[in-house]
Amino acid sequence: MNLSKVKLSQLRALVAIADCGNFSEAALQLDITQSTVSHAIATLEDELGITLLQRGRHGARLTPVGDRVTAHARDMLGLLDTIASEANQARGVQGGTLRIASFRSVATHVLPGAIARLHRRYPAIAISVHEMDEVHQLKQALVKGEVDLCVAETIDGDDVESLPIFDDDYVALVPPGYSPITGTLTIDEMRKMPIIGSSHSSCGLRIRTVLGAQEHPLEIAYCIRHDSSMVAMVQQGLGLAILPRLAAQPVPPEVQICSLPFPISRPIGATILKDALHTPALYAFLDALREVGEFSCAKAV
């Protein structure tokens, strides 16, 4: 048993289930999906080698050992809150404004959870979100001091530092009525349809590089700027689209989402200026973002 693998997110999930009595209400309390809560508990039980919860049609209840472990988990989380309170008093987290630059997909599917966590702890901190399309636009806004941090693809450079959150895998969206042999497209299946790709510099380059590296290179038939336009083209049967999973959401019910036959992903993270004087509000937000990242990684496993 390796206790170093136990995560705070797993302990929070356990305590939430103990308080709520079922997985669904615990997920609502934590602002995550029920499957993420289930994964957190399953991995925690595997790592400890014990059964913490008895599942049934009427909910979940703690086993005797689960009850004792939950009591210790409450103590640990309480101590963590005490540490955070001491640190916040020293740093003076009382308000201010935080300006965040982000991609639309990240602003839609990642930022709300982090902002909700932040506001529960520090309701006086104001947030403004600036949506941008290109990585170079994000970095320019950061360097010029127009935003305090970027939450999107991680940005390289000697003058910045990035906190990785998770890898956003690329997927294929196939038109209505098309039935791949398996849930993963093959190269031969991809050759049967026009490929729709992004015209964004970083995303487009990433896709073209992978397609061009195949034994018989594939080419992009349509270069489209907006993710929603790519999805609409697939919906009309004009081809298959390759785009990050976050950017593909929401997927129309008649459009099927498939895995690609090659690995491709974009790193999502928070980027700040290395030598800037950062506010307490920024560090409080990064703490909330790390928690969202823990659950995102658990869900992706």
C-alpha atoms as a PDB file:
ATOM      1  CA  MET A   1       0.000   0.000   0.000  1.00  0.00           C
ATOM      2  CA  ASN A   2       1.415   3.367  -1.067  1.00  0.00           C
ATOM      3  CA  LEU A   3      -0.304   6.194   0.816  1.00  0.00           C
ATOM      4  CA  SER A   4       1.590   8.771  -1.253  1.00  0.00           C
ATOM      5  CA  LYS A   5      -0.813   7.955  -4.102  1.00  0.00           C
ATOM      6  CA  VAL A   6      -3.872   9.000  -2.072  1.00  0.00           C
ATOM      7  CA  LYS A   7      -5.198  12.329  -3.364  1.00  0.00           C
ATOM      8  CA  LEU A   8      -7.103  15.050  -1.569  1.00  0.00           C
ATOM      9  CA  SER A   9      -9.743  14.860  -4.301  1.00  0.00           C
ATOM     10  CA  GLN A  10     -10.406  11.237  -3.301  1.00  0.00           C
ATOM     11  CA  LEU A  11     -10.825  12.189   0.354  1.00  0.00           C
ATOM     12  CA  ARG A  12     -13.177  15.038  -0.576  1.00  0.00           C
ATOM     13  CA  ALA A  13     -15.268  12.606  -2.632  1.00  0.00           C
ATOM     14  CA  LEU A  14     -15.435  10.146   0.288  1.00  0.00           C
ATOM     15  CA  VAL A  15     -16.545  12.818   2.758  1.00  0.00           C
ATOM     16  CA  ALA A  16     -19.117  14.181   0.312  1.00  0.00           C
ATOM     17  CA  ILE A  17     -20.686  10.740  -0.172  1.00  0.00           C
ATOM     18  CA  ALA A  18     -20.748  10.211   3.592  1.00  0.00           C
ATOM     19  CA  ASP A  19     -22.574  13.547   3.997  1.00  0.00           C
ATOM     20  CA  CYS A  20     -24.976  13.115   1.065  1.00  0.00           C
ATOM     21  CA  GLY A  21     -25.620   9.374   1.208  1.00  0.00           C
ATOM     22  CA  ASN A  22     -25.261   8.827  -2.547  1.00  0.00           C
ATOM     23  CA  PHE A  23     -22.899   9.456  -5.446  1.00  0.00           C
ATOM     24  CA  SER A  24     -25.140  11.770  -7.472  1.00  0.00           C
ATOM     25  CA  GLU A  25     -25.696  14.335  -4.707  1.00  0.00           C
ATOM     26  CA  ALA A  26     -22.000  14.180  -3.789  1.00  0.00           C
ATOM     27  CA  ALA A  27     -21.145  14.996  -7.411  1.00  0.00           C
ATOM     28  CA  LEU A  28     -23.481  18.025  -7.323  1.00  0.00           C
ATOM     29  CA  GLN A  29     -21.896  19.205  -4.085  1.00  0.00           C
ATOM     30  CA  LEU A  30     -18.385  18.939  -5.581  1.00  0.00           C
ATOM     31  CA  ASP A  31     -19.357  20.380  -9.005  1.00  0.00           C
ATOM     32  CA  ILE A  32     -18.098  17.294 -10.849  1.00  0.00           C
ATOM     33  CA  THR A  33     -19.675  14.362 -12.667  1.00  0.00           C
ATOM     34  CA  GLN A  34     -20.961  11.243 -10.925  1.00  0.00           C
ATOM     35  CA  SER A  35     -18.541   9.092 -12.927  1.00  0.00           C
ATOM     36  CA  THR A  36     -15.636  11.180 -11.611  1.00  0.00           C
ATOM     37  CA  VAL A  37     -16.812  10.621  -8.029  1.00  0.00           C
ATOM     38  CA  SER A  38     -17.123   6.875  -8.710  1.00  0.00           C
ATOM     39  CA  HIS A  39     -13.619   6.768 -10.187  1.00  0.00           C
ATOM     40  CA  ALA A  40     -12.178   8.654  -7.180  1.00  0.00           C
ATOM     41  CA  ILE A  41     -13.719   6.177  -4.711  1.00  0.00           C
ATOM     42  CA  ALA A  42     -12.782   3.107  -6.768  1.00  0.00           C
ATOM     43  CA  THR A  43      -9.129   4.171  -7.028  1.00  0.00           C
ATOM     44  CA  LEU A  44      -9.033   5.083  -3.323  1.00  0.00           C
ATOM     45  CA  GLU A  45     -10.363   1.639  -2.381  1.00  0.00           C
ATOM     46  CA  ASP A  46      -7.828  -0.015  -4.703  1.00  0.00           C
ATOM     47  CA  GLU A  47      -4.933   1.955  -3.212  1.00  0.00           C
ATOM     48  CA  LEU A  48      -6.003   1.240   0.404  1.00  0.00           C
ATOM     49  CA  GLY A  49      -6.996  -2.362  -0.330  1.00  0.00           C
ATOM     50  CA  ILE A  50     -10.292  -2.090   1.570  1.00  0.00           C
ATOM     51  CA  THR A  51     -13.997  -1.519   0.862  1.00  0.00           C
ATOM     52  CA  LEU A  52     -15.080   1.897   2.096  1.00  0.00           C
ATOM     53  CA  LEU A  53     -18.681   1.972   0.866  1.00  0.00           C
ATOM     54  CA  GLN A  54     -21.524  -0.468   0.469  1.00  0.00           C
ATOM     55  CA  ARG A  55     -23.400   0.414  -2.736  1.00  0.00           C
ATOM     56  CA  GLY A  56     -27.096  -0.267  -3.130  1.00  0.00           C
ATOM     57  CA  ARG A  57     -30.171   0.869  -4.993  1.00  0.00           C
ATOM     58  CA  HIS A  58     -30.969   3.332  -2.202  1.00  0.00           C
ATOM     59  CA  GLY A  59     -27.538   4.961  -2.120  1.00  0.00           C
ATOM     60  CA  ALA A  60     -24.214   4.297  -0.453  1.00  0.00           C
ATOM     61  CA  ARG A  61     -23.303   3.808   3.192  1.00  0.00           C
ATOM     62  CA  LEU A  62     -19.958   3.561   4.903  1.00  0.00           C
ATOM     63  CA  THR A  63     -18.557   0.222   5.974  1.00  0.00           C
ATOM     64  CA  PRO A  64     -17.210   0.107   9.550  1.00  0.00           C
ATOM     65  CA  VAL A  65     -13.660   0.680   8.329  1.00  0.00           C
ATOM     66  CA  GLY A  66     -14.964   3.261   5.867  1.00  0.00           C
ATOM     67  CA  ASP A  67     -16.529   5.162   8.759  1.00  0.00           C
ATOM     68  CA  ARG A  68     -13.203   5.265  10.591  1.00  0.00           C
ATOM     69  CA  VAL A  69     -11.282   6.305   7.456  1.00  0.00           C
ATOM     70  CA  THR A  70     -13.831   9.038   6.744  1.00  0.00           C
ATOM     71  CA  ALA A  71     -13.362  10.456  10.253  1.00  0.00           C
ATOM     72  CA  HIS A  72      -9.622  10.699   9.605  1.00  0.00           C
ATOM     73  CA  ALA A  73     -10.304  12.221   6.179  1.00  0.00           C
ATOM     74  CA  ARG A  74     -12.443  14.913   7.803  1.00  0.00           C
ATOM     75  CA  ASP A  75      -9.613  15.681  10.214  1.00  0.00           C
ATOM     76  CA  MET A  76      -7.100  15.929   7.356  1.00  0.00           C
ATOM     77  CA  LEU A  77      -9.336  18.207   5.265  1.00  0.00           C
ATOM     78  CA  GLY A  78     -10.053  20.306   8.343  1.00  0.00           C
ATOM     79  CA  LEU A  79      -6.328  20.754   8.962  1.00  0.00           C
ATOM     80  CA  LEU A  80      -5.871  21.697   5.307  1.00  0.00           C
ATOM     81  CA  ASP A  81      -8.589  24.364   5.652  1.00  0.00           C
ATOM     82  CA  THR A  82      -6.838  25.670   8.771  1.00  0.00           C
ATOM     83  CA  ILE A  83      -3.533  25.902   6.908  1.00  0.00           C
ATOM     84  CA  ALA A  84      -5.272  27.690   4.013  1.00  0.00           C
ATOM     85  CA  SER A  85      -6.950  30.096   6.431  1.00  0.00           C
ATOM     86  CA  GLU A  86      -3.644  30.951   8.093  1.00  0.00           C
ATOM     87  CA  ALA A  87      -1.995  31.487   4.724  1.00  0.00           C
ATOM     88  CA  ASN A  88      -4.862  33.610   3.427  1.00  0.00           C
ATOM     89  CA  GLN A  89      -4.796  35.818   6.506  1.00  0.00           C
ATOM     90  CA  ALA A  90      -1.084  36.348   5.972  1.00  0.00           C
ATOM     91  CA  ARG A  91      -1.554  37.062   2.257  1.00  0.00           C
ATOM     92  CA  GLY A  92      -4.650  39.206   2.715  1.00  0.00           C
ATOM     93  CA  VAL A  93      -6.979  37.549   0.176  1.00  0.00           C
ATOM     94  CA  GLN A  94      -9.931  39.912   0.518  1.00  0.00           C
ATOM     95  CA  GLY A  95     -10.920  40.932  -2.992  1.00  0.00           C
ATOM     96  CA  GLY A  96      -9.581  42.443  -6.164  1.00  0.00           C
ATOM     97  CA  THR A  97     -10.069  41.603  -9.825  1.00  0.00           C
ATOM     98  CA  LEU A  98      -8.533  38.736 -11.752  1.00  0.00           C
ATOM     99  CA  ARG A  99      -8.318  38.939 -15.565  1.00  0.00           C
ATOM    100  CA  ILE A 100      -8.128  35.603 -17.371  1.00  0.00           C
ATOM    101  CA  ALA A 101      -7.473  34.966 -21.069  1.00  0.00           C
ATOM    102  CA  SER A 102      -8.690  31.640 -22.421  1.00  0.00           C
ATOM    103  CA  PHE A 103      -9.890  29.638 -25.417  1.00  0.00           C
ATOM    104  CA  ARG A 104     -13.671  29.340 -25.817  1.00  0.00           C
ATOM    105  CA  SER A 105     -13.621  25.598 -25.142  1.00  0.00           C
ATOM    106  CA  VAL A 106     -11.602  25.977 -21.945  1.00  0.00           C
ATOM    107  CA  ALA A 107     -13.659  28.980 -20.831  1.00  0.00           C
ATOM    108  CA  THR A 108     -16.796  26.884 -21.310  1.00  0.00           C
ATOM    109  CA  HIS A 109     -15.767  23.564 -19.794  1.00  0.00           C
ATOM    110  CA  VAL A 110     -12.911  24.250 -17.321  1.00  0.00           C
ATOM    111  CA  LEU A 111     -13.100  27.792 -15.956  1.00  0.00           C
ATOM    112  CA  PRO A 112     -16.641  27.670 -14.496  1.00  0.00           C
ATOM    113  CA  GLY A 113     -15.717  24.915 -12.037  1.00  0.00           C
ATOM    114  CA  ALA A 114     -12.607  26.760 -10.863  1.00  0.00           C
ATOM    115  CA  ILE A 115     -14.426  30.104 -10.602  1.00  0.00           C
ATOM    116  CA  ALA A 116     -17.245  28.489  -8.595  1.00  0.00           C
ATOM    117  CA  ARG A 117     -14.725  27.017  -6.143  1.00  0.00           C
ATOM    118  CA  LEU A 118     -12.954  30.366  -5.839  1.00  0.00           C
ATOM    119  CA  HIS A 119     -16.176  32.297  -5.195  1.00  0.00           C
ATOM    120  CA  ARG A 120     -17.300  29.895  -2.483  1.00  0.00           C
ATOM    121  CA  ARG A 121     -14.113  30.709  -0.609  1.00  0.00           C
ATOM    122  CA  TYR A 122     -13.565  34.337  -1.637  1.00  0.00           C
ATOM    123  CA  PRO A 123     -16.805  35.856  -2.953  1.00  0.00           C
ATOM    124  CA  ALA A 124     -15.282  39.353  -3.113  1.00  0.00           C
ATOM    125  CA  ILE A 125     -12.816  38.450  -5.892  1.00  0.00           C
ATOM    126  CA  ALA A 126     -14.116  39.671  -9.265  1.00  0.00           C
ATOM    127  CA  ILE A 127     -13.343  37.681 -12.419  1.00  0.00           C
ATOM    128  CA  SER A 128     -13.204  38.840 -16.026  1.00  0.00           C
ATOM    129  CA  VAL A 129     -12.677  36.330 -18.854  1.00  0.00           C
ATOM    130  CA  HIS A 130     -11.264  37.330 -22.248  1.00  0.00           C
ATOM    131  CA  GLU A 131     -11.780  34.695 -24.967  1.00  0.00           C
ATOM    132  CA  MET A 132      -9.094  34.510 -27.673  1.00  0.00           C
ATOM    133  CA  ASP A 133      -8.428  32.144 -30.584  1.00  0.00           C
ATOM    134  CA  GLU A 134      -4.638  31.904 -30.902  1.00  0.00           C
ATOM    135  CA  VAL A 135      -1.795  31.102 -28.499  1.00  0.00           C
ATOM    136  CA  HIS A 136       0.200  34.129 -29.687  1.00  0.00           C
ATOM    137  CA  GLN A 137      -2.772  36.383 -28.808  1.00  0.00           C
ATOM    138  CA  LEU A 138      -2.851  34.934 -25.305  1.00  0.00           C
ATOM    139  CA  LYS A 139       0.849  35.526 -24.766  1.00  0.00           C
ATOM    140  CA  GLN A 140       0.695  39.041 -26.186  1.00  0.00           C
ATOM    141  CA  ALA A 141      -2.125  39.971 -23.793  1.00  0.00           C
ATOM    142  CA  LEU A 142      -0.151  38.485 -20.893  1.00  0.00           C
ATOM    143  CA  VAL A 143       3.110  40.249 -21.746  1.00  0.00           C
ATOM    144  CA  LYS A 144       1.336  43.588 -22.252  1.00  0.00           C
ATOM    145  CA  GLY A 145      -0.297  43.300 -18.850  1.00  0.00           C
ATOM    146  CA  GLU A 146      -3.814  43.176 -20.294  1.00  0.00           C
ATOM    147  CA  VAL A 147      -4.537  39.927 -18.401  1.00  0.00           C
ATOM    148  CA  ASP A 148      -3.146  38.341 -15.248  1.00  0.00           C
ATOM    149  CA  LEU A 149      -2.966  34.754 -16.495  1.00  0.00           C
ATOM    150  CA  CYS A 150      -3.891  32.522 -19.417  1.00  0.00           C
ATOM    151  CA  VAL A 151      -5.798  29.257 -19.053  1.00  0.00           C
ATOM    152  CA  ALA A 152      -5.545  27.458 -22.388  1.00  0.00           C
ATOM    153  CA  GLU A 153      -2.738  25.621 -24.162  1.00  0.00           C
ATOM    154  CA  THR A 154       0.454  25.962 -22.175  1.00  0.00           C
ATOM    155  CA  ILE A 155       2.666  28.747 -23.497  1.00  0.00           C
ATOM    156  CA  ASP A 156       6.410  28.400 -23.977  1.00  0.00           C
ATOM    157  CA  GLY A 157       8.958  31.132 -23.307  1.00  0.00           C
ATOM    158  CA  ASP A 158      11.705  32.216 -20.932  1.00  0.00           C
ATOM    159  CA  ASP A 159       9.513  35.011 -19.570  1.00  0.00           C
ATOM    160  CA  VAL A 160       6.562  32.790 -18.581  1.00  0.00           C
ATOM    161  CA  GLU A 161       5.894  29.719 -16.468  1.00  0.00           C
ATOM    162  CA  SER A 162       3.050  27.262 -16.833  1.00  0.00           C
ATOM    163  CA  LEU A 163       1.121  25.010 -14.460  1.00  0.00           C
ATOM    164  CA  PRO A 164       0.000  21.888 -16.372  1.00  0.00           C
ATOM    165  CA  ILE A 165      -3.608  20.864 -15.713  1.00  0.00           C
ATOM    166  CA  PHE A 166      -4.401  17.990 -18.104  1.00  0.00           C
ATOM    167  CA  ASP A 167      -3.972  16.814 -21.701  1.00  0.00           C
ATOM    168  CA  ASP A 168      -6.960  17.422 -23.972  1.00  0.00           C
ATOM    169  CA  ASP A 169      -7.011  14.509 -26.440  1.00  0.00           C
ATOM    170  CA  TYR A 170      -8.072  15.048 -30.040  1.00  0.00           C
ATOM    171  CA  VAL A 171     -11.015  13.032 -31.337  1.00  0.00           C
ATOM    172  CA  ALA A 172     -12.786  12.482 -34.653  1.00  0.00           C
ATOM    173  CA  LEU A 173     -16.389  13.475 -35.267  1.00  0.00           C
ATOM    174  CA  VAL A 174     -17.994  11.400 -38.020  1.00  0.00           C
ATOM    175  CA  PRO A 175     -21.181  12.246 -39.976  1.00  0.00           C
ATOM    176  CA  PRO A 176     -24.652  10.880 -39.193  1.00  0.00           C
ATOM    177  CA  GLY A 177     -25.201   7.375 -40.494  1.00  0.00           C
ATOM    178  CA  TYR A 178     -21.499   6.484 -40.697  1.00  0.00           C
ATOM    179  CA  SER A 179     -20.645   3.358 -38.720  1.00  0.00           C
ATOM    180  CA  PRO A 180     -16.945   2.740 -38.006  1.00  0.00           C
ATOM    181  CA  ILE A 181     -15.920  -0.876 -37.530  1.00  0.00           C
ATOM    182  CA  THR A 182     -14.886  -0.099 -33.941  1.00  0.00           C
ATOM    183  CA  GLY A 183     -14.902   2.924 -31.665  1.00  0.00           C
ATOM    184  CA  THR A 184     -11.467   3.834 -33.043  1.00  0.00           C
ATOM    185  CA  LEU A 185     -11.209   4.949 -36.658  1.00  0.00           C
ATOM    186  CA  THR A 186      -8.626   3.294 -38.859  1.00  0.00           C
ATOM    187  CA  ILE A 187      -6.438   5.127 -41.355  1.00  0.00           C
ATOM    188  CA  ASP A 188      -8.292   3.399 -44.194  1.00  0.00           C
ATOM    189  CA  GLU A 189     -11.635   4.586 -42.824  1.00  0.00           C
ATOM    190  CA  MET A 190     -10.296   8.140 -42.600  1.00  0.00           C
ATOM    191  CA  ARG A 191      -9.270   8.046 -46.268  1.00  0.00           C
ATOM    192  CA  LYS A 192     -12.899   7.477 -47.272  1.00  0.00           C
ATOM    193  CA  MET A 193     -14.036  10.907 -46.052  1.00  0.00           C
ATOM    194  CA  PRO A 194     -12.837  14.505 -46.504  1.00  0.00           C
ATOM    195  CA  ILE A 195     -11.003  15.687 -43.381  1.00  0.00           C
ATOM    196  CA  ILE A 196     -12.079  18.905 -41.683  1.00  0.00           C
ATOM    197  CA  GLY A 197      -9.336  20.581 -39.652  1.00  0.00           C
ATOM    198  CA  SER A 198      -8.753  23.781 -37.708  1.00  0.00           C
ATOM    199  CA  SER A 199      -7.195  26.872 -39.284  1.00  0.00           C
ATOM    200  CA  HIS A 200      -5.831  28.004 -35.897  1.00  0.00           C
ATOM    201  CA  SER A 201      -2.050  28.106 -36.101  1.00  0.00           C
ATOM    202  CA  SER A 202      -1.159  25.786 -33.206  1.00  0.00           C
ATOM    203  CA  CYS A 203      -4.056  23.365 -33.619  1.00  0.00           C
ATOM    204  CA  GLY A 204      -3.817  23.248 -37.417  1.00  0.00           C
ATOM    205  CA  LEU A 205      -0.065  22.680 -37.335  1.00  0.00           C
ATOM    206  CA  ARG A 206      -0.442  19.886 -34.786  1.00  0.00           C
ATOM    207  CA  ILE A 207      -3.016  18.079 -36.930  1.00  0.00           C
ATOM    208  CA  ARG A 208      -1.142  18.548 -40.221  1.00  0.00           C
ATOM    209  CA  THR A 209       2.093  17.283 -38.645  1.00  0.00           C
ATOM    210  CA  VAL A 210       0.463  14.043 -37.466  1.00  0.00           C
ATOM    211  CA  LEU A 211      -1.436  13.476 -40.720  1.00  0.00           C
ATOM    212  CA  GLY A 212       1.696  14.129 -42.756  1.00  0.00           C
ATOM    213  CA  ALA A 213       3.721  11.657 -40.688  1.00  0.00           C
ATOM    214  CA  GLN A 214       1.588   8.676 -41.775  1.00  0.00           C
ATOM    215  CA  GLU A 215       3.052   6.132 -44.180  1.00  0.00           C
ATOM    216  CA  HIS A 216       0.695   7.508 -46.821  1.00  0.00           C
ATOM    217  CA  PRO A 217       0.077  11.108 -45.672  1.00  0.00           C
ATOM    218  CA  LEU A 218      -3.466  12.354 -45.215  1.00  0.00           C
ATOM    219  CA  GLU A 219      -4.503  15.860 -46.227  1.00  0.00           C
ATOM    220  CA  ILE A 220      -7.014  18.314 -44.798  1.00  0.00           C
ATOM    221  CA  ALA A 221      -9.814  19.110 -47.244  1.00  0.00           C
ATOM    222  CA  TYR A 222     -11.402  21.965 -45.269  1.00  0.00           C
ATOM    223  CA  CYS A 223      -9.627  24.416 -42.942  1.00  0.00           C
ATOM    224  CA  ILE A 224     -12.209  25.992 -40.637  1.00  0.00           C
ATOM    225  CA  ARG A 225     -11.672  28.650 -37.978  1.00  0.00           C
ATOM    226  CA  HIS A 226     -14.506  28.041 -35.525  1.00  0.00           C
ATOM    227  CA  ASP A 227     -15.112  24.743 -33.723  1.00  0.00           C
ATOM    228  CA  SER A 228     -18.899  25.088 -34.000  1.00  0.00           C
ATOM    229  CA  SER A 229     -18.596  25.475 -37.787  1.00  0.00           C
ATOM    230  CA  MET A 230     -16.541  22.271 -37.976  1.00  0.00           C
ATOM    231  CA  VAL A 231     -19.201  20.395 -36.011  1.00  0.00           C
ATOM    232  CA  ALA A 232     -21.944  21.813 -38.261  1.00  0.00           C
ATOM    233  CA  MET A 233     -20.109  20.631 -41.376  1.00  0.00           C
ATOM    234  CA  VAL A 234     -19.881  17.110 -39.960  1.00  0.00           C
ATOM    235  CA  GLN A 235     -23.567  17.284 -39.105  1.00  0.00           C
ATOM    236  CA  GLN A 236     -24.260  18.021 -42.784  1.00  0.00           C
ATOM    237  CA  GLY A 237     -22.225  15.009 -43.891  1.00  0.00           C
ATOM    238  CA  LEU A 238     -19.373  17.004 -45.454  1.00  0.00           C
ATOM    239  CA  GLY A 239     -16.599  14.967 -43.828  1.00  0.00           C
ATOM    240  CA  LEU A 240     -15.004  14.001 -40.529  1.00  0.00           C
ATOM    241  CA  ALA A 241     -13.571  16.624 -38.196  1.00  0.00           C
ATOM    242  CA  ILE A 242     -10.464  16.329 -36.049  1.00  0.00           C
ATOM    243  CA  LEU A 243     -10.512  18.579 -33.007  1.00  0.00           C
ATOM    244  CA  PRO A 244      -9.814  18.542 -29.249  1.00  0.00           C
ATOM    245  CA  ARG A 245     -12.418  16.796 -27.123  1.00  0.00           C
ATOM    246  CA  LEU A 246     -13.234  19.991 -25.205  1.00  0.00           C
ATOM    247  CA  ALA A 247     -13.678  21.959 -28.429  1.00  0.00           C
ATOM    248  CA  ALA A 248     -16.026  19.304 -29.838  1.00  0.00           C
ATOM    249  CA  GLN A 249     -18.584  19.824 -27.067  1.00  0.00           C
ATOM    250  CA  PRO A 250     -21.515  19.847 -27.288  1.00  0.00           C
ATOM    251  CA  VAL A 251     -21.680  17.032 -29.840  1.00  0.00           C
ATOM    252  CA  PRO A 252     -25.044  16.789 -31.683  1.00  0.00           C
ATOM    253  CA  PRO A 253     -26.815  13.486 -30.908  1.00  0.00           C
ATOM    254  CA  GLU A 254     -26.678  12.303 -34.532  1.00  0.00           C
ATOM    255  CA  VAL A 255     -22.905  12.887 -34.771  1.00  0.00           C
ATOM    256  CA  GLN A 256     -20.642  10.113 -33.495  1.00  0.00           C
ATOM    257  CA  ILE A 257     -17.404  10.751 -31.624  1.00  0.00           C
ATOM    258  CA  CYS A 258     -14.542   8.300 -32.264  1.00  0.00           C
ATOM    259  CA  SER A 259     -10.964   7.832 -31.123  1.00  0.00           C
ATOM    260  CA  LEU A 260      -8.192   8.492 -33.629  1.00  0.00           C
ATOM    261  CA  PRO A 261      -5.757   5.789 -34.775  1.00  0.00           C
ATOM    262  CA  PHE A 262      -2.795   7.894 -33.607  1.00  0.00           C
ATOM    263  CA  PRO A 263      -2.110   9.763 -30.343  1.00  0.00           C
ATOM    264  CA  ILE A 264      -2.583  13.537 -30.482  1.00  0.00           C
ATOM    265  CA  SER A 265      -3.396  15.963 -27.680  1.00  0.00           C
ATOM    266  CA  ARG A 266      -2.919  19.548 -26.572  1.00  0.00           C
ATOM    267  CA  PRO A 267      -1.571  20.420 -23.098  1.00  0.00           C
ATOM    268  CA  ILE A 268      -3.967  22.591 -21.104  1.00  0.00           C
ATOM    269  CA  GLY A 269      -2.520  24.698 -18.321  1.00  0.00           C
ATOM    270  CA  ALA A 270      -2.323  28.069 -16.592  1.00  0.00           C
ATOM    271  CA  THR A 271       0.444  30.429 -17.715  1.00  0.00           C
ATOM    272  CA  ILE A 272       1.689  33.488 -15.809  1.00  0.00           C
ATOM    273  CA  LEU A 273       4.567  35.919 -16.202  1.00  0.00           C
ATOM    274  CA  LYS A 274       7.646  34.597 -14.430  1.00  0.00           C
ATOM    275  CA  ASP A 275       8.929  37.788 -12.825  1.00  0.00           C
ATOM    276  CA  ALA A 276       5.668  39.691 -12.291  1.00  0.00           C
ATOM    277  CA  LEU A 277       4.286  40.693  -8.896  1.00  0.00           C
ATOM    278  CA  HIS A 278       1.205  38.488  -8.624  1.00  0.00           C
ATOM    279  CA  THR A 279      -1.805  39.203  -6.435  1.00  0.00           C
ATOM    280  CA  PRO A 280      -3.149  36.913  -3.706  1.00  0.00           C
ATOM    281  CA  ALA A 281      -6.300  36.528  -5.811  1.00  0.00           C
ATOM    282  CA  LEU A 282      -4.265  34.877  -8.587  1.00  0.00           C
ATOM    283  CA  TYR A 283      -2.750  32.302  -6.238  1.00  0.00           C
ATOM    284  CA  ALA A 284      -6.175  31.576  -4.743  1.00  0.00           C
ATOM    285  CA  PHE A 285      -7.527  30.958  -8.243  1.00  0.00           C
ATOM    286  CA  LEU A 286      -4.598  28.655  -9.098  1.00  0.00           C
ATOM    287  CA  ASP A 287      -5.418  26.591  -5.994  1.00  0.00           C
ATOM    288  CA  ALA A 288      -9.013  26.200  -7.219  1.00  0.00           C
ATOM    289  CA  LEU A 289      -7.798  25.386 -10.721  1.00  0.00           C
ATOM    290  CA  ARG A 290      -5.504  22.646  -9.411  1.00  0.00           C
ATOM    291  CA  GLU A 291      -8.490  20.978  -7.765  1.00  0.00           C
ATOM    292  CA  VAL A 292     -10.424  21.071 -11.038  1.00  0.00           C
ATOM    293  CA  GLY A 293      -7.363  19.615 -12.752  1.00  0.00           C
ATOM    294  CA  GLU A 294      -7.208  16.696 -10.289  1.00  0.00           C
ATOM    295  CA  PHE A 295     -10.772  15.705 -11.120  1.00  0.00           C
ATOM    296  CA  SER A 296     -10.241  16.258 -14.866  1.00  0.00           C
ATOM    297  CA  CYS A 297      -7.237  13.934 -14.819  1.00  0.00           C
ATOM    298  CA  ALA A 298      -9.162  11.323 -12.835  1.00  0.00           C
ATOM    299  CA  LYS A 299     -12.031  11.475 -15.305  1.00  0.00           C
ATOM    300  CA  ALA A 300      -9.688  11.056 -18.260  1.00  0.00           C
ATOM    301  CA  VAL A 301      -8.153   7.827 -16.905  1.00  0.00           C
END
